[in-house]
Amino acid sequence: MDTVFSFGDVKEIIEGADGKLHCPGICDDTRAIAANLAVAKALIDSGIKPFYDIVIGATVREEGLGGMCGMKWILEDLSKKNHIVATVSIDGPTAVDFYANATGMVDWDVIFSGPGGHAWTAFKTPSAIHAAARAVAMISDLCLPEDPKTTITVSLIEGGQAIHGIAQQASFKINARSNSQVELNKLNEELVRIFHLACEQENAKYSNEKEVKVSYEKILDVPAGNQDDDALIIQATKAVTAAVGLEANFKPGGCTNTNMSIARGIPAVTLGRGGREFGTHTLAEWFDPKD
């Protein structure tokens, strides 16, 4: 039930004359709550009594640095007293696309620190920004596999204290993803090597007792994983989608709450939200529930 918006941005739901529902977050993913409630109502109205207990939950912290911790918590809490047979999540923009594999994701926070000094009088002193720039250049030159799809970007960067000063500190953040945990582990190891190599290169250039140093930490670590195409939950998803007159589209990878289940060996699928939508993650979001 979480969104990406700041407190106060979401004020009301406005229904237009055309039936569209206008509200930030109505696409991704607060309308999943309405979908869950509709499922509960359908079960009650139909008189169907499931063989297993069904727990319906609304989670937070799926987005961004939340790293699906809401889903992680609910799984850990339920598993204390229960055997979890499977999980079904609602996310994604269509009624035909579904996700049953997990794209892993790691966010890094990297900080270079050095002695700094005046750009003229302290020339030949190692620079934190120069070291960070060396690291960014090496990261941008990495050759990553297309299959399994693996990506990386340096997404935020800052540093320095004055235009005429040798930078005492520089930092950047990295977002890395892969459909393979093996590839993600390799990439993480390479990143650590690059962080240290950038320091070594910057310090070696000046042979100065004063050195630039680096510190780094993972601020998000979401595991990758997959399920066999013939897994029961995947075949069931295709069957129920066909039952409503649509052809299911099994999307590769995917970074959803399903990641947390797959990491624990729990059969899991993320189904789409259906309907039409516009403006995901913007204040102009709307959802059209027609059909």
C-alpha atoms as a PDB file:
ATOM      1  CA  MET A   1       0.000   0.000   0.000  1.00  0.00           C
ATOM      2  CA  ASP A   2       3.032   2.265  -0.135  1.00  0.00           C
ATOM      3  CA  THR A   3       3.822   4.887  -2.773  1.00  0.00           C
ATOM      4  CA  VAL A   4       6.878   6.925  -3.724  1.00  0.00           C
ATOM      5  CA  PHE A   5       5.381  10.279  -2.778  1.00  0.00           C
ATOM      6  CA  SER A   6       6.210  12.682   0.021  1.00  0.00           C
ATOM      7  CA  PHE A   7       3.806  13.128   2.908  1.00  0.00           C
ATOM      8  CA  GLY A   8       1.037  15.539   1.893  1.00  0.00           C
ATOM      9  CA  ASP A   9       1.288  14.941  -1.867  1.00  0.00           C
ATOM     10  CA  VAL A  10      -1.613  12.481  -1.866  1.00  0.00           C
ATOM     11  CA  LYS A  11      -4.772  14.364  -0.885  1.00  0.00           C
ATOM     12  CA  GLU A  12      -7.795  12.744  -2.510  1.00  0.00           C
ATOM     13  CA  ILE A  13      -9.159  10.500  -5.233  1.00  0.00           C
ATOM     14  CA  ILE A  14     -10.963  12.377  -8.001  1.00  0.00           C
ATOM     15  CA  GLU A  15     -13.284  10.439 -10.303  1.00  0.00           C
ATOM     16  CA  GLY A  16     -13.566  12.038 -13.715  1.00  0.00           C
ATOM     17  CA  ALA A  17     -16.652  12.047 -15.924  1.00  0.00           C
ATOM     18  CA  ASP A  18     -14.959   9.358 -18.033  1.00  0.00           C
ATOM     19  CA  GLY A  19     -14.645   7.055 -15.021  1.00  0.00           C
ATOM     20  CA  LYS A  20     -10.913   7.522 -14.592  1.00  0.00           C
ATOM     21  CA  LEU A  21      -9.666   7.677 -11.010  1.00  0.00           C
ATOM     22  CA  HIS A  22      -7.057  10.412 -10.491  1.00  0.00           C
ATOM     23  CA  CYS A  23      -4.712  10.122  -7.508  1.00  0.00           C
ATOM     24  CA  PRO A  24      -0.919   9.799  -7.017  1.00  0.00           C
ATOM     25  CA  GLY A  25      -0.224   6.142  -6.299  1.00  0.00           C
ATOM     26  CA  ILE A  26      -3.509   4.879  -7.760  1.00  0.00           C
ATOM     27  CA  CYS A  27      -1.479   2.993 -10.389  1.00  0.00           C
ATOM     28  CA  ASP A  28       1.433   1.816  -8.267  1.00  0.00           C
ATOM     29  CA  ASP A  29       0.217   0.286  -6.138  1.00  0.00           C
ATOM     30  CA  THR A  30      -2.573   1.335  -3.773  1.00  0.00           C
ATOM     31  CA  ARG A  31      -5.307  -0.061  -5.990  1.00  0.00           C
ATOM     32  CA  ALA A  32      -3.943  -3.520  -5.193  1.00  0.00           C
ATOM     33  CA  ILE A  33      -5.710  -3.088  -1.842  1.00  0.00           C
ATOM     34  CA  ALA A  34      -9.044  -2.731  -3.658  1.00  0.00           C
ATOM     35  CA  ALA A  35      -8.180  -5.813  -5.722  1.00  0.00           C
ATOM     36  CA  ASN A  36      -7.431  -7.830  -2.575  1.00  0.00           C
ATOM     37  CA  LEU A  37     -10.699  -6.737  -0.992  1.00  0.00           C
ATOM     38  CA  ALA A  38     -12.524  -7.756  -4.176  1.00  0.00           C
ATOM     39  CA  VAL A  39     -10.958 -11.214  -3.942  1.00  0.00           C
ATOM     40  CA  ALA A  40     -12.085 -11.548  -0.330  1.00  0.00           C
ATOM     41  CA  LYS A  41     -15.617 -10.457  -1.242  1.00  0.00           C
ATOM     42  CA  ALA A  42     -15.727 -12.902  -4.170  1.00  0.00           C
ATOM     43  CA  LEU A  43     -14.681 -15.796  -1.939  1.00  0.00           C
ATOM     44  CA  ILE A  44     -17.388 -14.922   0.596  1.00  0.00           C
ATOM     45  CA  ASP A  45     -20.123 -14.350  -1.988  1.00  0.00           C
ATOM     46  CA  SER A  46     -19.310 -17.566  -3.887  1.00  0.00           C
ATOM     47  CA  GLY A  47     -19.282 -19.714  -0.774  1.00  0.00           C
ATOM     48  CA  ILE A  48     -15.923 -21.199  -1.758  1.00  0.00           C
ATOM     49  CA  LYS A  49     -14.073 -22.612   1.237  1.00  0.00           C
ATOM     50  CA  PRO A  50     -10.344 -22.875   0.437  1.00  0.00           C
ATOM     51  CA  PHE A  51      -8.462 -25.970   1.557  1.00  0.00           C
ATOM     52  CA  TYR A  52      -5.724 -23.745   3.010  1.00  0.00           C
ATOM     53  CA  ASP A  53      -6.121 -20.599   5.055  1.00  0.00           C
ATOM     54  CA  ILE A  54      -5.688 -17.464   2.959  1.00  0.00           C
ATOM     55  CA  VAL A  55      -3.999 -14.455   4.538  1.00  0.00           C
ATOM     56  CA  ILE A  56      -4.630 -11.116   2.842  1.00  0.00           C
ATOM     57  CA  GLY A  57      -2.106  -8.425   3.681  1.00  0.00           C
ATOM     58  CA  ALA A  58      -1.252  -4.873   2.632  1.00  0.00           C
ATOM     59  CA  THR A  59       2.477  -4.184   2.801  1.00  0.00           C
ATOM     60  CA  VAL A  60       4.682  -1.107   2.908  1.00  0.00           C
ATOM     61  CA  ARG A  61       8.360  -0.534   2.061  1.00  0.00           C
ATOM     62  CA  GLU A  62       8.250  -2.253  -1.318  1.00  0.00           C
ATOM     63  CA  GLU A  63       9.559   0.801  -3.141  1.00  0.00           C
ATOM     64  CA  GLY A  64      13.092   2.205  -3.323  1.00  0.00           C
ATOM     65  CA  LEU A  65      15.289   1.744  -0.280  1.00  0.00           C
ATOM     66  CA  GLY A  66      12.390  -0.006   1.428  1.00  0.00           C
ATOM     67  CA  GLY A  67      13.691  -3.078  -0.367  1.00  0.00           C
ATOM     68  CA  MET A  68      10.470  -5.093   0.079  1.00  0.00           C
ATOM     69  CA  CYS A  69      11.005  -5.174   3.843  1.00  0.00           C
ATOM     70  CA  GLY A  70       7.247  -5.143   4.441  1.00  0.00           C
ATOM     71  CA  MET A  71       6.897  -8.412   2.535  1.00  0.00           C
ATOM     72  CA  LYS A  72       9.988  -9.776   4.259  1.00  0.00           C
ATOM     73  CA  TRP A  73       8.448  -9.021   7.654  1.00  0.00           C
ATOM     74  CA  ILE A  74       5.078 -10.600   6.897  1.00  0.00           C
ATOM     75  CA  LEU A  75       6.738 -13.788   5.630  1.00  0.00           C
ATOM     76  CA  GLU A  76       8.956 -14.028   8.693  1.00  0.00           C
ATOM     77  CA  ASP A  77       6.027 -13.368  11.020  1.00  0.00           C
ATOM     78  CA  LEU A  78       3.713 -15.919   9.382  1.00  0.00           C
ATOM     79  CA  SER A  79       6.393 -18.609   9.124  1.00  0.00           C
ATOM     80  CA  LYS A  80       6.859 -18.649  12.901  1.00  0.00           C
ATOM     81  CA  LYS A  81       3.647 -20.656  13.280  1.00  0.00           C
ATOM     82  CA  ASN A  82       2.670 -21.638   9.743  1.00  0.00           C
ATOM     83  CA  HIS A  83       3.888 -23.406   6.642  1.00  0.00           C
ATOM     84  CA  ILE A  84       3.500 -20.931   3.780  1.00  0.00           C
ATOM     85  CA  VAL A  85       2.286 -22.822   0.726  1.00  0.00           C
ATOM     86  CA  ALA A  86       2.580 -19.949  -1.775  1.00  0.00           C
ATOM     87  CA  THR A  87       2.234 -16.185  -2.161  1.00  0.00           C
ATOM     88  CA  VAL A  88       0.371 -14.099  -4.730  1.00  0.00           C
ATOM     89  CA  SER A  89       1.150 -10.398  -5.075  1.00  0.00           C
ATOM     90  CA  ILE A  90      -0.568  -7.726  -7.153  1.00  0.00           C
ATOM     91  CA  ASP A  91       1.679  -5.297  -9.027  1.00  0.00           C
ATOM     92  CA  GLY A  92       2.448  -4.317 -12.621  1.00  0.00           C
ATOM     93  CA  PRO A  93       0.339  -2.424 -15.156  1.00  0.00           C
ATOM     94  CA  THR A  94      -1.593  -5.055 -17.156  1.00  0.00           C
ATOM     95  CA  ALA A  95      -3.899  -8.031 -16.747  1.00  0.00           C
ATOM     96  CA  VAL A  96      -1.723 -10.323 -18.878  1.00  0.00           C
ATOM     97  CA  ASP A  97       1.839  -9.707 -17.642  1.00  0.00           C
ATOM     98  CA  PHE A  98       2.984 -11.676 -14.621  1.00  0.00           C
ATOM     99  CA  TYR A  99       6.257 -12.133 -12.759  1.00  0.00           C
ATOM    100  CA  ALA A 100       7.490 -15.346 -11.191  1.00  0.00           C
ATOM    101  CA  ASN A 101      11.235 -14.789 -11.176  1.00  0.00           C
ATOM    102  CA  ALA A 102      13.233 -12.275  -9.190  1.00  0.00           C
ATOM    103  CA  THR A 103      15.648  -9.596 -10.362  1.00  0.00           C
ATOM    104  CA  GLY A 104      18.218  -9.023  -7.637  1.00  0.00           C
ATOM    105  CA  MET A 105      19.118  -5.477  -6.692  1.00  0.00           C
ATOM    106  CA  VAL A 106      21.946  -3.935  -4.680  1.00  0.00           C
ATOM    107  CA  ASP A 107      22.420  -0.282  -3.783  1.00  0.00           C
ATOM    108  CA  TRP A 108      25.846   0.915  -2.658  1.00  0.00           C
ATOM    109  CA  ASP A 109      26.883   4.060  -0.791  1.00  0.00           C
ATOM    110  CA  VAL A 110      30.548   4.857  -1.514  1.00  0.00           C
ATOM    111  CA  ILE A 111      32.542   7.619   0.219  1.00  0.00           C
ATOM    112  CA  PHE A 112      36.069   8.794  -0.664  1.00  0.00           C
ATOM    113  CA  SER A 113      37.851  10.921   1.950  1.00  0.00           C
ATOM    114  CA  GLY A 114      41.186  12.734   1.709  1.00  0.00           C
ATOM    115  CA  PRO A 115      43.352  15.468   3.246  1.00  0.00           C
ATOM    116  CA  GLY A 116      42.177  18.246   0.937  1.00  0.00           C
ATOM    117  CA  GLY A 117      43.926  21.583   0.626  1.00  0.00           C
ATOM    118  CA  HIS A 118      44.242  24.715  -1.502  1.00  0.00           C
ATOM    119  CA  ALA A 119      44.093  23.967  -5.217  1.00  0.00           C
ATOM    120  CA  TRP A 120      47.292  25.991  -5.796  1.00  0.00           C
ATOM    121  CA  THR A 121      49.419  25.696  -2.699  1.00  0.00           C
ATOM    122  CA  ALA A 122      48.532  22.073  -1.938  1.00  0.00           C
ATOM    123  CA  PHE A 123      48.829  20.888  -5.512  1.00  0.00           C
ATOM    124  CA  LYS A 124      49.924  17.242  -5.799  1.00  0.00           C
ATOM    125  CA  THR A 125      47.701  16.298  -2.861  1.00  0.00           C
ATOM    126  CA  PRO A 126      45.363  13.389  -3.700  1.00  0.00           C
ATOM    127  CA  SER A 127      41.773  14.451  -4.329  1.00  0.00           C
ATOM    128  CA  ALA A 128      38.678  12.627  -3.112  1.00  0.00           C
ATOM    129  CA  ILE A 129      36.777  13.767  -6.209  1.00  0.00           C
ATOM    130  CA  HIS A 130      39.528  12.584  -8.545  1.00  0.00           C
ATOM    131  CA  ALA A 131      39.512   9.160  -6.896  1.00  0.00           C
ATOM    132  CA  ALA A 132      35.723   8.968  -7.090  1.00  0.00           C
ATOM    133  CA  ALA A 133      35.832  10.002 -10.742  1.00  0.00           C
ATOM    134  CA  ARG A 134      38.361   7.252 -11.474  1.00  0.00           C
ATOM    135  CA  ALA A 135      35.999   4.726  -9.883  1.00  0.00           C
ATOM    136  CA  VAL A 136      32.988   6.011 -11.815  1.00  0.00           C
ATOM    137  CA  ALA A 137      34.918   5.817 -15.096  1.00  0.00           C
ATOM    138  CA  MET A 138      35.892   2.199 -14.419  1.00  0.00           C
ATOM    139  CA  ILE A 139      32.327   1.322 -13.466  1.00  0.00           C
ATOM    140  CA  SER A 140      30.976   2.878 -16.667  1.00  0.00           C
ATOM    141  CA  ASP A 141      33.415   0.773 -18.706  1.00  0.00           C
ATOM    142  CA  LEU A 142      32.261  -2.540 -17.223  1.00  0.00           C
ATOM    143  CA  CYS A 143      31.008  -5.088 -19.760  1.00  0.00           C
ATOM    144  CA  LEU A 144      27.906  -6.743 -18.339  1.00  0.00           C
ATOM    145  CA  PRO A 145      26.005  -9.760 -19.689  1.00  0.00           C
ATOM    146  CA  GLU A 146      22.786  -9.199 -21.618  1.00  0.00           C
ATOM    147  CA  ASP A 147      21.558 -12.663 -20.646  1.00  0.00           C
ATOM    148  CA  PRO A 148      21.027 -12.921 -17.757  1.00  0.00           C
ATOM    149  CA  LYS A 149      20.270  -9.200 -17.945  1.00  0.00           C
ATOM    150  CA  THR A 150      22.588  -7.277 -15.613  1.00  0.00           C
ATOM    151  CA  THR A 151      22.679  -3.496 -15.212  1.00  0.00           C
ATOM    152  CA  ILE A 152      24.497  -0.852 -13.228  1.00  0.00           C
ATOM    153  CA  THR A 153      24.389   2.902 -12.871  1.00  0.00           C
ATOM    154  CA  VAL A 154      26.070   5.491 -10.675  1.00  0.00           C
ATOM    155  CA  SER A 155      22.930   7.375  -9.788  1.00  0.00           C
ATOM    156  CA  LEU A 156      23.894  10.140  -7.344  1.00  0.00           C
ATOM    157  CA  ILE A 157      27.225  11.924  -6.882  1.00  0.00           C
ATOM    158  CA  GLU A 158      28.420  14.873  -4.816  1.00  0.00           C
ATOM    159  CA  GLY A 159      31.545  16.250  -3.182  1.00  0.00           C
ATOM    160  CA  GLY A 160      34.033  19.057  -2.687  1.00  0.00           C
ATOM    161  CA  GLN A 161      33.942  22.136  -0.514  1.00  0.00           C
ATOM    162  CA  ALA A 162      35.096  25.053  -2.700  1.00  0.00           C
ATOM    163  CA  ILE A 163      35.892  25.753  -6.340  1.00  0.00           C
ATOM    164  CA  HIS A 164      39.521  26.475  -5.399  1.00  0.00           C
ATOM    165  CA  GLY A 165      39.891  23.546  -3.001  1.00  0.00           C
ATOM    166  CA  ILE A 166      41.172  19.986  -3.402  1.00  0.00           C
ATOM    167  CA  ALA A 167      38.193  17.888  -2.405  1.00  0.00           C
ATOM    168  CA  GLN A 168      38.270  16.368   1.063  1.00  0.00           C
ATOM    169  CA  GLN A 169      35.234  14.194   0.391  1.00  0.00           C
ATOM    170  CA  ALA A 170      33.265  12.793  -2.515  1.00  0.00           C
ATOM    171  CA  SER A 171      30.488  10.250  -2.524  1.00  0.00           C
ATOM    172  CA  PHE A 172      28.271   8.439  -4.957  1.00  0.00           C
ATOM    173  CA  LYS A 173      25.537   5.842  -4.931  1.00  0.00           C
ATOM    174  CA  ILE A 174      25.167   2.844  -7.201  1.00  0.00           C
ATOM    175  CA  ASN A 175      22.170   0.808  -8.296  1.00  0.00           C
ATOM    176  CA  ALA A 176      23.062  -2.655  -9.623  1.00  0.00           C
ATOM    177  CA  ARG A 177      20.605  -5.322 -10.784  1.00  0.00           C
ATOM    178  CA  SER A 178      20.698  -8.785 -12.314  1.00  0.00           C
ATOM    179  CA  ASN A 179      18.358 -11.659 -13.064  1.00  0.00           C
ATOM    180  CA  SER A 180      21.110 -13.939 -11.737  1.00  0.00           C
ATOM    181  CA  GLN A 181      22.393 -13.959  -8.166  1.00  0.00           C
ATOM    182  CA  VAL A 182      25.663 -15.448  -9.447  1.00  0.00           C
ATOM    183  CA  GLU A 183      26.193 -12.493 -11.809  1.00  0.00           C
ATOM    184  CA  LEU A 184      25.159 -10.034  -9.105  1.00  0.00           C
ATOM    185  CA  ASN A 185      27.715 -11.528  -6.715  1.00  0.00           C
ATOM    186  CA  LYS A 186      30.419 -11.239  -9.387  1.00  0.00           C
ATOM    187  CA  LEU A 187      29.501  -7.614  -9.999  1.00  0.00           C
ATOM    188  CA  ASN A 188      29.606  -6.786  -6.294  1.00  0.00           C
ATOM    189  CA  GLU A 189      33.087  -8.278  -5.995  1.00  0.00           C
ATOM    190  CA  GLU A 190      34.261  -6.270  -9.011  1.00  0.00           C
ATOM    191  CA  LEU A 191      32.857  -3.065  -7.529  1.00  0.00           C
ATOM    192  CA  VAL A 192      34.793  -3.520  -4.300  1.00  0.00           C
ATOM    193  CA  ARG A 193      37.960  -4.096  -6.339  1.00  0.00           C
ATOM    194  CA  ILE A 194      37.301  -0.880  -8.290  1.00  0.00           C
ATOM    195  CA  PHE A 195      36.731   1.194  -5.136  1.00  0.00           C
ATOM    196  CA  HIS A 196      40.151   0.256  -3.799  1.00  0.00           C
ATOM    197  CA  LEU A 197      41.900   0.462  -7.173  1.00  0.00           C
ATOM    198  CA  ALA A 198      40.651   4.030  -7.669  1.00  0.00           C
ATOM    199  CA  CYS A 199      42.255   5.018  -4.364  1.00  0.00           C
ATOM    200  CA  GLU A 200      45.497   3.274  -5.239  1.00  0.00           C
ATOM    201  CA  GLN A 201      45.717   5.018  -8.610  1.00  0.00           C
ATOM    202  CA  GLU A 202      45.004   8.461  -7.179  1.00  0.00           C
ATOM    203  CA  ASN A 203      47.480   8.041  -4.319  1.00  0.00           C
ATOM    204  CA  ALA A 204      50.183   6.530  -6.551  1.00  0.00           C
ATOM    205  CA  LYS A 205      50.105   9.527  -8.878  1.00  0.00           C
ATOM    206  CA  TYR A 206      51.416  11.865  -6.201  1.00  0.00           C
ATOM    207  CA  SER A 207      53.516   9.619  -3.900  1.00  0.00           C
ATOM    208  CA  ASN A 208      52.261  11.694  -1.001  1.00  0.00           C
ATOM    209  CA  GLU A 209      52.089  10.611   2.631  1.00  0.00           C
ATOM    210  CA  LYS A 210      48.596  12.040   2.696  1.00  0.00           C
ATOM    211  CA  GLU A 211      46.209   9.608   1.059  1.00  0.00           C
ATOM    212  CA  VAL A 212      42.650   9.273  -0.107  1.00  0.00           C
ATOM    213  CA  LYS A 213      40.743   6.432   1.534  1.00  0.00           C
ATOM    214  CA  VAL A 214      37.433   4.798   0.693  1.00  0.00           C
ATOM    215  CA  SER A 215      34.562   3.389   2.721  1.00  0.00           C
ATOM    216  CA  TYR A 216      31.480   1.686   1.319  1.00  0.00           C
ATOM    217  CA  GLU A 217      28.386  -0.200   2.360  1.00  0.00           C
ATOM    218  CA  LYS A 218      25.390  -1.918   0.837  1.00  0.00           C
ATOM    219  CA  ILE A 219      22.320   0.105   1.731  1.00  0.00           C
ATOM    220  CA  LEU A 220      19.991  -2.320  -0.057  1.00  0.00           C
ATOM    221  CA  ASP A 221      20.388  -5.994  -0.912  1.00  0.00           C
ATOM    222  CA  VAL A 222      17.460  -7.758  -2.602  1.00  0.00           C
ATOM    223  CA  PRO A 223      18.147 -11.356  -3.701  1.00  0.00           C
ATOM    224  CA  ALA A 224      17.696 -12.714  -7.221  1.00  0.00           C
ATOM    225  CA  GLY A 225      16.125 -16.075  -7.961  1.00  0.00           C
ATOM    226  CA  ASN A 226      13.979 -18.057 -10.375  1.00  0.00           C
ATOM    227  CA  GLN A 227      11.391 -20.806 -10.636  1.00  0.00           C
ATOM    228  CA  ASP A 228      11.118 -23.486 -13.310  1.00  0.00           C
ATOM    229  CA  ASP A 229       8.742 -22.693 -16.163  1.00  0.00           C
ATOM    230  CA  ASP A 230       6.773 -25.857 -15.355  1.00  0.00           C
ATOM    231  CA  ALA A 231       6.290 -24.872 -11.704  1.00  0.00           C
ATOM    232  CA  LEU A 232       2.713 -25.391 -10.551  1.00  0.00           C
ATOM    233  CA  ILE A 233       2.176 -21.733  -9.649  1.00  0.00           C
ATOM    234  CA  ILE A 234       3.329 -20.574 -13.101  1.00  0.00           C
ATOM    235  CA  GLN A 235       1.104 -23.083 -14.888  1.00  0.00           C
ATOM    236  CA  ALA A 236      -1.818 -22.129 -12.647  1.00  0.00           C
ATOM    237  CA  THR A 237      -1.293 -18.447 -13.463  1.00  0.00           C
ATOM    238  CA  LYS A 238      -1.400 -19.178 -17.185  1.00  0.00           C
ATOM    239  CA  ALA A 239      -4.559 -21.268 -16.706  1.00  0.00           C
ATOM    240  CA  VAL A 240      -6.509 -18.682 -14.700  1.00  0.00           C
ATOM    241  CA  THR A 241      -5.494 -15.929 -17.130  1.00  0.00           C
ATOM    242  CA  ALA A 242      -6.784 -18.046 -20.024  1.00  0.00           C
ATOM    243  CA  ALA A 243      -9.996 -18.662 -18.055  1.00  0.00           C
ATOM    244  CA  VAL A 244     -10.838 -14.948 -18.274  1.00  0.00           C
ATOM    245  CA  GLY A 245     -10.135 -14.856 -22.000  1.00  0.00           C
ATOM    246  CA  LEU A 246      -6.586 -13.519 -21.961  1.00  0.00           C
ATOM    247  CA  GLU A 247      -3.180 -14.971 -22.838  1.00  0.00           C
ATOM    248  CA  ALA A 248      -0.655 -14.709 -20.025  1.00  0.00           C
ATOM    249  CA  ASN A 249       2.729 -13.113 -20.701  1.00  0.00           C
ATOM    250  CA  PHE A 250       5.487 -14.459 -18.427  1.00  0.00           C
ATOM    251  CA  LYS A 251       7.897 -11.538 -17.978  1.00  0.00           C
ATOM    252  CA  PRO A 252      11.586 -12.268 -17.358  1.00  0.00           C
ATOM    253  CA  GLY A 253      12.979 -11.113 -14.045  1.00  0.00           C
ATOM    254  CA  GLY A 254      11.050  -8.512 -12.116  1.00  0.00           C
ATOM    255  CA  CYS A 255      11.700  -6.651  -8.869  1.00  0.00           C
ATOM    256  CA  THR A 256       8.544  -7.158  -6.790  1.00  0.00           C
ATOM    257  CA  ASN A 257       7.460  -8.528  -3.428  1.00  0.00           C
ATOM    258  CA  THR A 258       7.740 -11.964  -5.055  1.00  0.00           C
ATOM    259  CA  ASN A 259      11.529 -11.654  -4.640  1.00  0.00           C
ATOM    260  CA  MET A 260      11.194 -12.178  -0.898  1.00  0.00           C
ATOM    261  CA  SER A 261       9.207 -15.393  -1.336  1.00  0.00           C
ATOM    262  CA  ILE A 262      11.471 -16.860  -4.011  1.00  0.00           C
ATOM    263  CA  ALA A 263      14.502 -16.199  -1.796  1.00  0.00           C
ATOM    264  CA  ARG A 264      12.873 -18.422   0.841  1.00  0.00           C
ATOM    265  CA  GLY A 265      11.924 -21.192  -1.582  1.00  0.00           C
ATOM    266  CA  ILE A 266       8.212 -20.305  -1.433  1.00  0.00           C
ATOM    267  CA  PRO A 267       6.293 -20.644  -4.724  1.00  0.00           C
ATOM    268  CA  ALA A 268       5.264 -17.139  -5.700  1.00  0.00           C
ATOM    269  CA  VAL A 269       3.782 -15.034  -8.463  1.00  0.00           C
ATOM    270  CA  THR A 270       3.018 -11.368  -9.017  1.00  0.00           C
ATOM    271  CA  LEU A 271      -0.115 -10.721 -11.070  1.00  0.00           C
ATOM    272  CA  GLY A 272      -0.852  -7.509 -12.942  1.00  0.00           C
ATOM    273  CA  ARG A 273      -3.354  -4.896 -11.839  1.00  0.00           C
ATOM    274  CA  GLY A 274      -5.513  -4.853 -14.991  1.00  0.00           C
ATOM    275  CA  GLY A 275      -7.313  -1.857 -16.425  1.00  0.00           C
ATOM    276  CA  ARG A 276      -5.542   1.093 -18.051  1.00  0.00           C
ATOM    277  CA  GLU A 277      -3.232   3.517 -16.303  1.00  0.00           C
ATOM    278  CA  PHE A 278      -1.061   6.567 -16.875  1.00  0.00           C
ATOM    279  CA  GLY A 279       1.710   8.473 -15.127  1.00  0.00           C
ATOM    280  CA  THR A 280       3.126   5.885 -12.746  1.00  0.00           C
ATOM    281  CA  HIS A 281       5.265   7.547 -10.054  1.00  0.00           C
ATOM    282  CA  THR A 282       4.042  11.033 -10.988  1.00  0.00           C
ATOM    283  CA  LEU A 283       1.472  13.348  -9.421  1.00  0.00           C
ATOM    284  CA  ALA A 284      -0.595  12.967 -12.619  1.00  0.00           C
ATOM    285  CA  GLU A 285      -1.360   9.254 -12.104  1.00  0.00           C
ATOM    286  CA  TRP A 286      -4.745   7.934 -13.124  1.00  0.00           C
ATOM    287  CA  PHE A 287      -6.357   4.516 -13.396  1.00  0.00           C
ATOM    288  CA  ASP A 288      -9.224   3.524 -15.673  1.00  0.00           C
ATOM    289  CA  PRO A 289     -11.038   0.478 -14.215  1.00  0.00           C
ATOM    290  CA  LYS A 290     -13.153  -0.121 -17.328  1.00  0.00           C
ATOM    291  CA  ASP A 291     -13.328  -3.854 -18.190  1.00  0.00           C
END
